[in-house]
Amino acid sequence: MQPNLQPKKARLNIQISFELKSKLSKLSAFQGKKVSTLVRESIEEKLEQIDKKLFEEKMKQAYQGLVQENLKISEDFKYVDIENL
């Protein structure tokens, strides 16, 4: 007997405008996908964008922290650099 390989799914009920529902229905017919698939893909894409933005912000903060550290190290060695002249 094979184990169930599909991830568990949760049902989510949301309310959207009739205009948005109409757009989703048209896109669904055009792409040949279920509306629920389009919504799921849209949510996944948006979450990936948010995760990427958060990661970039963390990296920016980390690099800014390194700038201060590098300036301090440079300051510590400025007199040593002059000795080689």
PDB file of N, CA and C in Angstrom:
ATOM      1  N   MET A   1       0.832  -1.168   0.000  1.00  0.00           N
ATOM      2  CA  MET A   1       0.000   0.000   0.000  1.00  0.00           C
ATOM      3  C   MET A   1       0.888   1.247   0.000  1.00  0.00           C
ATOM      4  N   GLN A   2       0.653   2.180  -0.955  1.00  0.00           N
ATOM      5  CA  GLN A   2       1.461   3.385  -1.064  1.00  0.00           C
ATOM      6  C   GLN A   2       0.931   4.473  -0.137  1.00  0.00           C
ATOM      7  N   PRO A   3       1.848   5.201   0.476  1.00  0.00           N
ATOM      8  CA  PRO A   3       1.408   6.303   1.335  1.00  0.00           C
ATOM      9  C   PRO A   3       0.822   7.431   0.480  1.00  0.00           C
ATOM     10  N   ASN A   4      -0.007   8.247   1.083  1.00  0.00           N
ATOM     11  CA  ASN A   4      -0.603   9.377   0.407  1.00  0.00           C
ATOM     12  C   ASN A   4       0.484  10.425   0.179  1.00  0.00           C
ATOM     13  N   LEU A   5       0.855  10.680  -1.102  1.00  0.00           N
ATOM     14  CA  LEU A   5       1.955  11.576  -1.424  1.00  0.00           C
ATOM     15  C   LEU A   5       1.513  13.028  -1.576  1.00  0.00           C
ATOM     16  N   GLN A   6       0.222  13.265  -1.670  1.00  0.00           N
ATOM     17  CA  GLN A   6      -0.254  14.631  -1.815  1.00  0.00           C
ATOM     18  C   GLN A   6      -0.226  15.336  -0.462  1.00  0.00           C
ATOM     19  N   PRO A   7       0.207  16.601  -0.482  1.00  0.00           N
ATOM     20  CA  PRO A   7       0.201  17.339   0.789  1.00  0.00           C
ATOM     21  C   PRO A   7      -1.227  17.558   1.262  1.00  0.00           C
ATOM     22  N   LYS A   8      -1.383  17.641   2.570  1.00  0.00           N
ATOM     23  CA  LYS A   8      -2.708  17.898   3.114  1.00  0.00           C
ATOM     24  C   LYS A   8      -3.145  19.293   2.716  1.00  0.00           C
ATOM     25  N   LYS A   9      -4.407  19.431   2.432  1.00  0.00           N
ATOM     26  CA  LYS A   9      -4.948  20.711   2.003  1.00  0.00           C
ATOM     27  C   LYS A   9      -5.954  21.214   3.024  1.00  0.00           C
ATOM     28  N   ALA A  10      -6.078  22.519   3.087  1.00  0.00           N
ATOM     29  CA  ALA A  10      -7.045  23.148   3.981  1.00  0.00           C
ATOM     30  C   ALA A  10      -8.009  23.963   3.133  1.00  0.00           C
ATOM     31  N   ARG A  11      -9.222  24.004   3.540  1.00  0.00           N
ATOM     32  CA  ARG A  11     -10.237  24.785   2.839  1.00  0.00           C
ATOM     33  C   ARG A  11     -10.260  26.181   3.447  1.00  0.00           C
ATOM     34  N   LEU A  12     -10.361  27.170   2.571  1.00  0.00           N
ATOM     35  CA  LEU A  12     -10.375  28.556   3.007  1.00  0.00           C
ATOM     36  C   LEU A  12     -11.524  29.261   2.301  1.00  0.00           C
ATOM     37  N   ASN A  13     -12.388  29.851   3.062  1.00  0.00           N
ATOM     38  CA  ASN A  13     -13.506  30.599   2.490  1.00  0.00           C
ATOM     39  C   ASN A  13     -13.188  32.081   2.582  1.00  0.00           C
ATOM     40  N   ILE A  14     -13.276  32.770   1.431  1.00  0.00           N
ATOM     41  CA  ILE A  14     -13.009  34.199   1.391  1.00  0.00           C
ATOM     42  C   ILE A  14     -14.147  34.906   0.665  1.00  0.00           C
ATOM     43  N   GLN A  15     -14.248  36.182   0.903  1.00  0.00           N
ATOM     44  CA  GLN A  15     -15.235  36.982   0.189  1.00  0.00           C
ATOM     45  C   GLN A  15     -14.490  37.949  -0.720  1.00  0.00           C
ATOM     46  N   ILE A  16     -14.916  38.001  -1.982  1.00  0.00           N
ATOM     47  CA  ILE A  16     -14.325  38.912  -2.951  1.00  0.00           C
ATOM     48  C   ILE A  16     -15.450  39.632  -3.687  1.00  0.00           C
ATOM     49  N   SER A  17     -15.098  40.697  -4.356  1.00  0.00           N
ATOM     50  CA  SER A  17     -16.106  41.452  -5.098  1.00  0.00           C
ATOM     51  C   SER A  17     -16.578  40.647  -6.315  1.00  0.00           C
ATOM     52  N   PHE A  18     -17.746  40.979  -6.798  1.00  0.00           N
ATOM     53  CA  PHE A  18     -18.275  40.324  -7.992  1.00  0.00           C
ATOM     54  C   PHE A  18     -17.373  40.596  -9.193  1.00  0.00           C
ATOM     55  N   GLU A  19     -16.811  41.803  -9.234  1.00  0.00           N
ATOM     56  CA  GLU A  19     -15.904  42.161 -10.325  1.00  0.00           C
ATOM     57  C   GLU A  19     -14.672  41.264 -10.336  1.00  0.00           C
ATOM     58  N   LEU A  20     -14.075  41.043  -9.168  1.00  0.00           N
ATOM     59  CA  LEU A  20     -12.908  40.176  -9.067  1.00  0.00           C
ATOM     60  C   LEU A  20     -13.260  38.741  -9.421  1.00  0.00           C
ATOM     61  N   LYS A  21     -14.418  38.277  -8.962  1.00  0.00           N
ATOM     62  CA  LYS A  21     -14.881  36.924  -9.282  1.00  0.00           C
ATOM     63  C   LYS A  21     -15.062  36.769 -10.787  1.00  0.00           C
ATOM     64  N   SER A  22     -15.607  37.789 -11.439  1.00  0.00           N
ATOM     65  CA  SER A  22     -15.798  37.755 -12.879  1.00  0.00           C
ATOM     66  C   SER A  22     -14.454  37.671 -13.606  1.00  0.00           C
ATOM     67  N   LYS A  23     -13.500  38.484 -13.165  1.00  0.00           N
ATOM     68  CA  LYS A  23     -12.166  38.447 -13.769  1.00  0.00           C
ATOM     69  C   LYS A  23     -11.521  37.076 -13.598  1.00  0.00           C
ATOM     70  N   LEU A  24     -11.657  36.516 -12.397  1.00  0.00           N
ATOM     71  CA  LEU A  24     -11.092  35.186 -12.141  1.00  0.00           C
ATOM     72  C   LEU A  24     -11.743  34.125 -13.029  1.00  0.00           C
ATOM     73  N   SER A  25     -13.043  34.217 -13.184  1.00  0.00           N
ATOM     74  CA  SER A  25     -13.762  33.248 -14.010  1.00  0.00           C
ATOM     75  C   SER A  25     -13.309  33.325 -15.467  1.00  0.00           C
ATOM     76  N   LYS A  26     -13.146  34.541 -15.977  1.00  0.00           N
ATOM     77  CA  LYS A  26     -12.687  34.724 -17.355  1.00  0.00           C
ATOM     78  C   LYS A  26     -11.269  34.195 -17.532  1.00  0.00           C
ATOM     79  N   LEU A  27     -10.400  34.527 -16.582  1.00  0.00           N
ATOM     80  CA  LEU A  27      -9.020  34.050 -16.644  1.00  0.00           C
ATOM     81  C   LEU A  27      -8.961  32.535 -16.525  1.00  0.00           C
ATOM     82  N   SER A  28      -9.806  31.986 -15.671  1.00  0.00           N
ATOM     83  CA  SER A  28      -9.879  30.544 -15.487  1.00  0.00           C
ATOM     84  C   SER A  28     -10.230  29.851 -16.806  1.00  0.00           C
ATOM     85  N   ALA A  29     -11.228  30.374 -17.495  1.00  0.00           N
ATOM     86  CA  ALA A  29     -11.632  29.793 -18.775  1.00  0.00           C
ATOM     87  C   ALA A  29     -10.526  29.954 -19.815  1.00  0.00           C
ATOM     88  N   PHE A  30      -9.887  31.114 -19.830  1.00  0.00           N
ATOM     89  CA  PHE A  30      -8.828  31.389 -20.798  1.00  0.00           C
ATOM     90  C   PHE A  30      -7.628  30.465 -20.604  1.00  0.00           C
ATOM     91  N   GLN A  31      -7.225  30.277 -19.337  1.00  0.00           N
ATOM     92  CA  GLN A  31      -6.041  29.460 -19.053  1.00  0.00           C
ATOM     93  C   GLN A  31      -6.354  27.979 -18.888  1.00  0.00           C
ATOM     94  N   GLY A  32      -7.630  27.650 -18.792  1.00  0.00           N
ATOM     95  CA  GLY A  32      -7.997  26.244 -18.612  1.00  0.00           C
ATOM     96  C   GLY A  32      -7.642  25.720 -17.230  1.00  0.00           C
ATOM     97  N   LYS A  33      -7.684  26.603 -16.251  1.00  0.00           N
ATOM     98  CA  LYS A  33      -7.386  26.218 -14.863  1.00  0.00           C
ATOM     99  C   LYS A  33      -8.608  26.492 -14.013  1.00  0.00           C
ATOM    100  N   LYS A  34      -8.684  25.792 -12.904  1.00  0.00           N
ATOM    101  CA  LYS A  34      -9.750  26.058 -11.941  1.00  0.00           C
ATOM    102  C   LYS A  34      -9.481  27.393 -11.251  1.00  0.00           C
ATOM    103  N   VAL A  35     -10.559  28.052 -10.839  1.00  0.00           N
ATOM    104  CA  VAL A  35     -10.428  29.319 -10.112  1.00  0.00           C
ATOM    105  C   VAL A  35      -9.600  29.104  -8.846  1.00  0.00           C
ATOM    106  N   SER A  36      -9.838  28.003  -8.154  1.00  0.00           N
ATOM    107  CA  SER A  36      -9.087  27.741  -6.917  1.00  0.00           C
ATOM    108  C   SER A  36      -7.588  27.612  -7.191  1.00  0.00           C
ATOM    109  N   THR A  37      -7.236  27.058  -8.358  1.00  0.00           N
ATOM    110  CA  THR A  37      -5.825  26.943  -8.728  1.00  0.00           C
ATOM    111  C   THR A  37      -5.222  28.322  -8.957  1.00  0.00           C
ATOM    112  N   LEU A  38      -5.963  29.173  -9.661  1.00  0.00           N
ATOM    113  CA  LEU A  38      -5.475  30.536  -9.895  1.00  0.00           C
ATOM    114  C   LEU A  38      -5.290  31.295  -8.584  1.00  0.00           C
ATOM    115  N   VAL A  39      -6.230  31.161  -7.685  1.00  0.00           N
ATOM    116  CA  VAL A  39      -6.139  31.846  -6.394  1.00  0.00           C
ATOM    117  C   VAL A  39      -4.940  31.312  -5.605  1.00  0.00           C
ATOM    118  N   ARG A  40      -4.781  30.001  -5.579  1.00  0.00           N
ATOM    119  CA  ARG A  40      -3.664  29.388  -4.850  1.00  0.00           C
ATOM    120  C   ARG A  40      -2.327  29.863  -5.430  1.00  0.00           C
ATOM    121  N   GLU A  41      -2.209  29.870  -6.763  1.00  0.00           N
ATOM    122  CA  GLU A  41      -0.972  30.311  -7.400  1.00  0.00           C
ATOM    123  C   GLU A  41      -0.693  31.785  -7.116  1.00  0.00           C
ATOM    124  N   SER A  42      -1.742  32.587  -7.106  1.00  0.00           N
ATOM    125  CA  SER A  42      -1.584  34.015  -6.816  1.00  0.00           C
ATOM    126  C   SER A  42      -1.108  34.238  -5.388  1.00  0.00           C
ATOM    127  N   ILE A  43      -1.677  33.509  -4.468  1.00  0.00           N
ATOM    128  CA  ILE A  43      -1.267  33.625  -3.060  1.00  0.00           C
ATOM    129  C   ILE A  43       0.190  33.192  -2.900  1.00  0.00           C
ATOM    130  N   GLU A  44       0.545  32.075  -3.523  1.00  0.00           N
ATOM    131  CA  GLU A  44       1.923  31.590  -3.437  1.00  0.00           C
ATOM    132  C   GLU A  44       2.901  32.617  -4.014  1.00  0.00           C
ATOM    133  N   GLU A  45       2.545  33.204  -5.163  1.00  0.00           N
ATOM    134  CA  GLU A  45       3.404  34.202  -5.792  1.00  0.00           C
ATOM    135  C   GLU A  45       3.568  35.427  -4.900  1.00  0.00           C
ATOM    136  N   LYS A  46       2.484  35.896  -4.328  1.00  0.00           N
ATOM    137  CA  LYS A  46       2.541  37.069  -3.453  1.00  0.00           C
ATOM    138  C   LYS A  46       3.384  36.788  -2.216  1.00  0.00           C
ATOM    139  N   LEU A  47       3.216  35.605  -1.621  1.00  0.00           N
ATOM    140  CA  LEU A  47       4.004  35.243  -0.444  1.00  0.00           C
ATOM    141  C   LEU A  47       5.488  35.146  -0.780  1.00  0.00           C
ATOM    142  N   GLU A  48       5.814  34.635  -1.969  1.00  0.00           N
ATOM    143  CA  GLU A  48       7.209  34.577  -2.396  1.00  0.00           C
ATOM    144  C   GLU A  48       7.786  35.983  -2.544  1.00  0.00           C
ATOM    145  N   GLN A  49       6.997  36.909  -3.099  1.00  0.00           N
ATOM    146  CA  GLN A  49       7.444  38.300  -3.236  1.00  0.00           C
ATOM    147  C   GLN A  49       7.717  38.917  -1.866  1.00  0.00           C
ATOM    148  N   ILE A  50       6.824  38.668  -0.928  1.00  0.00           N
ATOM    149  CA  ILE A  50       6.988  39.214   0.426  1.00  0.00           C
ATOM    150  C   ILE A  50       8.221  38.608   1.086  1.00  0.00           C
ATOM    151  N   ASP A  51       8.406  37.284   0.950  1.00  0.00           N
ATOM    152  CA  ASP A  51       9.583  36.626   1.527  1.00  0.00           C
ATOM    153  C   ASP A  51      10.868  37.194   0.925  1.00  0.00           C
ATOM    154  N   LYS A  52      10.871  37.416  -0.388  1.00  0.00           N
ATOM    155  CA  LYS A  52      12.046  37.963  -1.054  1.00  0.00           C
ATOM    156  C   LYS A  52      12.344  39.362  -0.541  1.00  0.00           C
ATOM    157  N   LYS A  53      11.303  40.178  -0.397  1.00  0.00           N
ATOM    158  CA  LYS A  53      11.482  41.546   0.087  1.00  0.00           C
ATOM    159  C   LYS A  53      12.024  41.542   1.519  1.00  0.00           C
ATOM    160  N   LEU A  54      11.487  40.653   2.370  1.00  0.00           N
ATOM    161  CA  LEU A  54      11.972  40.556   3.753  1.00  0.00           C
ATOM    162  C   LEU A  54      13.431  40.121   3.788  1.00  0.00           C
ATOM    163  N   PHE A  55      13.787  39.145   2.943  1.00  0.00           N
ATOM    164  CA  PHE A  55      15.164  38.666   2.874  1.00  0.00           C
ATOM    165  C   PHE A  55      16.099  39.790   2.435  1.00  0.00           C
ATOM    166  N   GLU A  56      15.681  40.540   1.407  1.00  0.00           N
ATOM    167  CA  GLU A  56      16.505  41.652   0.929  1.00  0.00           C
ATOM    168  C   GLU A  56      16.689  42.705   2.011  1.00  0.00           C
ATOM    169  N   GLU A  57      15.657  42.967   2.772  1.00  0.00           N
ATOM    170  CA  GLU A  57      15.754  43.960   3.853  1.00  0.00           C
ATOM    171  C   GLU A  57      16.716  43.472   4.944  1.00  0.00           C
ATOM    172  N   LYS A  58      16.654  42.187   5.276  1.00  0.00           N
ATOM    173  CA  LYS A  58      17.577  41.633   6.270  1.00  0.00           C
ATOM    174  C   LYS A  58      19.016  41.715   5.776  1.00  0.00           C
ATOM    175  N   MET A  59      19.217  41.414   4.483  1.00  0.00           N
ATOM    176  CA  MET A  59      20.566  41.488   3.922  1.00  0.00           C
ATOM    177  C   MET A  59      21.072  42.931   3.932  1.00  0.00           C
ATOM    178  N   LYS A  60      20.210  43.871   3.607  1.00  0.00           N
ATOM    179  CA  LYS A  60      20.574  45.287   3.616  1.00  0.00           C
ATOM    180  C   LYS A  60      21.016  45.707   5.015  1.00  0.00           C
ATOM    181  N   GLN A  61      20.250  45.312   6.018  1.00  0.00           N
ATOM    182  CA  GLN A  61      20.598  45.658   7.394  1.00  0.00           C
ATOM    183  C   GLN A  61      21.916  45.011   7.808  1.00  0.00           C
ATOM    184  N   ALA A  62      22.130  43.768   7.371  1.00  0.00           N
ATOM    185  CA  ALA A  62      23.374  43.074   7.709  1.00  0.00           C
ATOM    186  C   ALA A  62      24.571  43.784   7.072  1.00  0.00           C
ATOM    187  N   TYR A  63      24.439  44.170   5.802  1.00  0.00           N
ATOM    188  CA  TYR A  63      25.536  44.876   5.138  1.00  0.00           C
ATOM    189  C   TYR A  63      25.788  46.241   5.763  1.00  0.00           C
ATOM    190  N   GLN A  64      24.730  46.922   6.172  1.00  0.00           N
ATOM    191  CA  GLN A  64      24.913  48.205   6.830  1.00  0.00           C
ATOM    192  C   GLN A  64      25.634  48.033   8.159  1.00  0.00           C
ATOM    193  N   GLY A  65      25.360  46.938   8.847  1.00  0.00           N
ATOM    194  CA  GLY A  65      26.075  46.641  10.076  1.00  0.00           C
ATOM    195  C   GLY A  65      27.545  46.376   9.815  1.00  0.00           C
ATOM    196  N   LEU A  66      27.836  45.722   8.691  1.00  0.00           N
ATOM    197  CA  LEU A  66      29.226  45.439   8.336  1.00  0.00           C
ATOM    198  C   LEU A  66      29.980  46.718   7.984  1.00  0.00           C
ATOM    199  N   VAL A  67      29.300  47.683   7.423  1.00  0.00           N
ATOM    200  CA  VAL A  67      29.944  48.956   7.081  1.00  0.00           C
ATOM    201  C   VAL A  67      30.530  49.586   8.336  1.00  0.00           C
ATOM    202  N   GLN A  68      29.753  49.628   9.392  1.00  0.00           N
ATOM    203  CA  GLN A  68      30.244  50.219  10.651  1.00  0.00           C
ATOM    204  C   GLN A  68      31.439  49.429  11.184  1.00  0.00           C
ATOM    205  N   GLU A  69      31.348  48.115  11.106  1.00  0.00           N
ATOM    206  CA  GLU A  69      32.450  47.277  11.588  1.00  0.00           C
ATOM    207  C   GLU A  69      33.706  47.493  10.737  1.00  0.00           C
ATOM    208  N   ASN A  70      33.537  47.565   9.420  1.00  0.00           N
ATOM    209  CA  ASN A  70      34.687  47.777   8.531  1.00  0.00           C
ATOM    210  C   ASN A  70      35.317  49.147   8.736  1.00  0.00           C
ATOM    211  N   LEU A  71      34.501  50.160   8.978  1.00  0.00           N
ATOM    212  CA  LEU A  71      35.047  51.487   9.257  1.00  0.00           C
ATOM    213  C   LEU A  71      35.872  51.488  10.541  1.00  0.00           C
ATOM    214  N   LYS A  72      35.398  50.772  11.548  1.00  0.00           N
ATOM    215  CA  LYS A  72      36.129  50.693  12.814  1.00  0.00           C
ATOM    216  C   LYS A  72      37.468  49.974  12.619  1.00  0.00           C
ATOM    217  N   ILE A  73      37.447  48.891  11.860  1.00  0.00           N
ATOM    218  CA  ILE A  73      38.691  48.148  11.600  1.00  0.00           C
ATOM    219  C   ILE A  73      39.669  49.030  10.820  1.00  0.00           C
ATOM    220  N   SER A  74      39.165  49.746   9.820  1.00  0.00           N
ATOM    221  CA  SER A  74      40.023  50.641   9.042  1.00  0.00           C
ATOM    222  C   SER A  74      40.641  51.714   9.931  1.00  0.00           C
ATOM    223  N   GLU A  75      39.848  52.239  10.815  1.00  0.00           N
ATOM    224  CA  GLU A  75      40.336  53.258  11.758  1.00  0.00           C
ATOM    225  C   GLU A  75      41.434  52.677  12.648  1.00  0.00           C
ATOM    226  N   ASP A  76      41.258  51.426  13.102  1.00  0.00           N
ATOM    227  CA  ASP A  76      42.260  50.781  13.963  1.00  0.00           C
ATOM    228  C   ASP A  76      43.594  50.606  13.249  1.00  0.00           C
ATOM    229  N   PHE A  77      43.570  50.410  11.922  1.00  0.00           N
ATOM    230  CA  PHE A  77      44.798  50.117  11.182  1.00  0.00           C
ATOM    231  C   PHE A  77      45.326  51.302  10.374  1.00  0.00           C
ATOM    232  N   LYS A  78      44.755  52.483  10.516  1.00  0.00           N
ATOM    233  CA  LYS A  78      45.199  53.606   9.683  1.00  0.00           C
ATOM    234  C   LYS A  78      46.644  54.005   9.966  1.00  0.00           C
ATOM    235  N   TYR A  79      47.075  53.877  11.191  1.00  0.00           N
ATOM    236  CA  TYR A  79      48.454  54.242  11.524  1.00  0.00           C
ATOM    237  C   TYR A  79      49.436  53.179  11.040  1.00  0.00           C
ATOM    238  N   VAL A  80      49.014  51.957  11.004  1.00  0.00           N
ATOM    239  CA  VAL A  80      49.881  50.875  10.510  1.00  0.00           C
ATOM    240  C   VAL A  80      50.115  51.051   9.018  1.00  0.00           C
ATOM    241  N   ASP A  81      49.093  51.457   8.292  1.00  0.00           N
ATOM    242  CA  ASP A  81      49.228  51.673   6.857  1.00  0.00           C
ATOM    243  C   ASP A  81      50.223  52.789   6.547  1.00  0.00           C
ATOM    244  N   ILE A  82      50.275  53.808   7.375  1.00  0.00           N
ATOM    245  CA  ILE A  82      51.173  54.935   7.153  1.00  0.00           C
ATOM    246  C   ILE A  82      52.629  54.527   7.341  1.00  0.00           C
ATOM    247  N   GLU A  83      52.920  53.545   8.170  1.00  0.00           N
ATOM    248  CA  GLU A  83      54.292  53.108   8.431  1.00  0.00           C
ATOM    249  C   GLU A  83      54.979  52.573   7.197  1.00  0.00           C
ATOM    250  N   ASN A  84      54.220  52.104   6.221  1.00  0.00           N
ATOM    251  CA  ASN A  84      54.825  51.523   5.005  1.00  0.00           C
ATOM    252  C   ASN A  84      55.203  52.583   3.981  1.00  0.00           C
ATOM    253  N   LEU A  85      54.932  53.815   4.234  1.00  0.00           N
ATOM    254  CA  LEU A  85      55.252  54.879   3.260  1.00  0.00           C
ATOM    255  C   LEU A  85      56.659  55.338   3.350  1.00  0.00           C
TER     256      LEU A  85
END
